[in-house]
Structure formats: C-alpha cells, structure tokens
Protein backbone atom coordinates (compact mmCIF):
# COMPACT_ATOMS: atom_id res chain seq x y z
CA MET A 1 6.10 12.21 -23.63
CA TRP A 2 7.48 8.82 -24.56
CA ASP A 3 8.65 7.23 -21.36
CA PRO A 4 10.88 3.59 -21.84
CA ALA A 5 9.30 2.12 -18.86
CA LEU A 6 6.39 2.12 -20.45
CA ALA A 7 7.31 1.07 -23.43
CA GLY A 8 5.95 -2.20 -23.48
CA LEU A 9 2.82 -1.53 -22.80
CA PRO A 10 -0.86 -0.53 -24.61
CA ARG A 11 -1.13 2.96 -24.83
CA GLY A 12 -4.40 2.80 -23.07
CA ASP A 13 -2.93 1.42 -19.99
CA ILE A 14 -0.55 4.04 -20.07
CA ILE A 15 -3.62 6.79 -20.28
CA ILE A 16 -5.15 4.97 -17.43
CA MET A 17 -1.72 4.88 -15.05
CA ARG A 18 -0.92 8.52 -15.52
CA LYS A 19 -4.97 9.24 -14.80
CA ALA A 20 -4.45 7.05 -11.54
CA PHE A 21 -1.35 8.35 -10.48
CA LEU A 22 -2.51 11.67 -8.87
CA PRO A 23 -5.30 10.20 -6.78
CA LEU A 24 -3.12 7.69 -5.39
CA ALA A 25 -0.59 9.72 -4.67
CA ALA A 26 -3.16 11.46 -2.68
CA LEU A 27 -4.92 8.84 -0.88
CA THR A 28 -1.24 7.78 0.27
CA THR A 29 -0.44 11.04 1.00
CA ALA A 30 -3.29 11.26 3.66
CA MET A 31 -3.04 7.81 5.15
CA PHE A 32 0.43 8.91 5.79
CA VAL A 33 -0.64 11.55 7.10
CA TYR A 34 -3.20 10.27 9.40
CA ALA A 35 -1.97 7.07 10.18
CA PRO A 36 0.54 8.70 13.46
CA ILE A 37 -3.12 10.46 14.54
CA ALA A 38 -4.45 7.57 14.67
CA ILE A 39 -2.10 5.64 16.32
CA SER A 40 -1.86 8.49 18.89
CA GLN A 41 -5.47 8.37 19.54
CA ALA A 42 -5.23 4.59 20.44
CA PRO A 43 -5.60 3.98 24.28
CA TYR A 44 -2.66 2.97 25.89
CA GLU A 45 -2.63 -0.87 27.08
CA SER A 46 -2.62 -1.79 31.10
CA THR A 47 1.31 -3.68 31.07
CA MET A 48 2.38 -2.88 28.11
CA LEU A 49 1.73 0.83 27.09
CA LEU A 50 3.57 2.30 24.37
CA VAL A 51 4.61 -0.75 23.37
CA GLN A 52 1.24 -1.88 22.13
CA LYS A 53 0.42 0.84 20.30
CA SER A 54 3.05 -0.06 17.60
CA PHE A 55 1.56 -2.99 16.86
CA TYR A 56 -1.15 -1.01 15.27
CA PHE A 57 0.68 0.02 12.60
CA HIS A 58 2.98 -3.11 12.19
CA PHE A 59 -0.08 -5.68 12.36
CA ALA A 60 -1.35 -3.62 9.46
CA THR A 61 1.08 -3.43 7.55
CA TRP A 62 1.77 -7.15 7.48
CA ILE A 63 -1.34 -7.73 6.89
CA ALA A 64 -1.12 -5.39 3.29
CA THR A 65 2.35 -7.29 3.07
CA ALA A 66 1.21 -10.70 3.13
CA ALA A 67 -1.88 -10.09 0.98
CA ALA A 68 0.16 -8.69 -2.08
CA LEU A 69 2.73 -11.57 -1.82
CA THR A 70 0.06 -13.65 -2.29
CA VAL A 71 -1.44 -11.78 -5.32
CA CYS A 72 1.56 -11.72 -6.66
CA GLY A 73 2.62 -15.20 -6.23
CA VAL A 74 -0.91 -16.54 -7.25
CA ALA A 75 -0.55 -14.08 -10.83
CA SER A 76 2.60 -15.49 -11.10
CA ALA A 77 1.26 -19.15 -11.43
CA VAL A 78 -1.51 -18.13 -13.73
CA TYR A 79 1.17 -16.38 -15.94
CA LEU A 80 3.66 -19.25 -16.09
CA PHE A 81 0.95 -22.20 -15.79
C-alpha cells in the first residue's frame, strides 16, 4: 500500500517504521495507563497536598519536551551546516 506521506523515504526505512509502530503504540498506551496509577500512589506533601502530585507528571513532561527540542535543534543545525 502506497502512502504519499512516505514517498521520499527509502523502502527500508518505511518497513522499519511500519514494524516499529505497533510496539511503540503499545508502549505509549501502557505509559498513559500507568501514569495516573503512579501519581495516585505517590505520597501527599505536607504543605502542598494534592498540588505537589501534579509536579510529578509535569516535570517529567518538561524533561521529555526539553530533550526532544534539544535533539531536534542539534539535528537541524547539523543538517543546515
């Protein structure tokens, strides 16, 4: 099946992407299912109570976003120069 979004990629890369999709989708689903469980089991902080628990999620999200932006920025600079 031909996909116009993949038209510029070599055939080997398309096969790798298609094989990697289901395991990565399963991993993402498992992480989304586990995240609320892990946060609900975290202890309450004495002064901030429930608000502190939101930091457990948002800090990890910030780290992942910062890492992704750094990788994309470096890869873009390497590609341009």
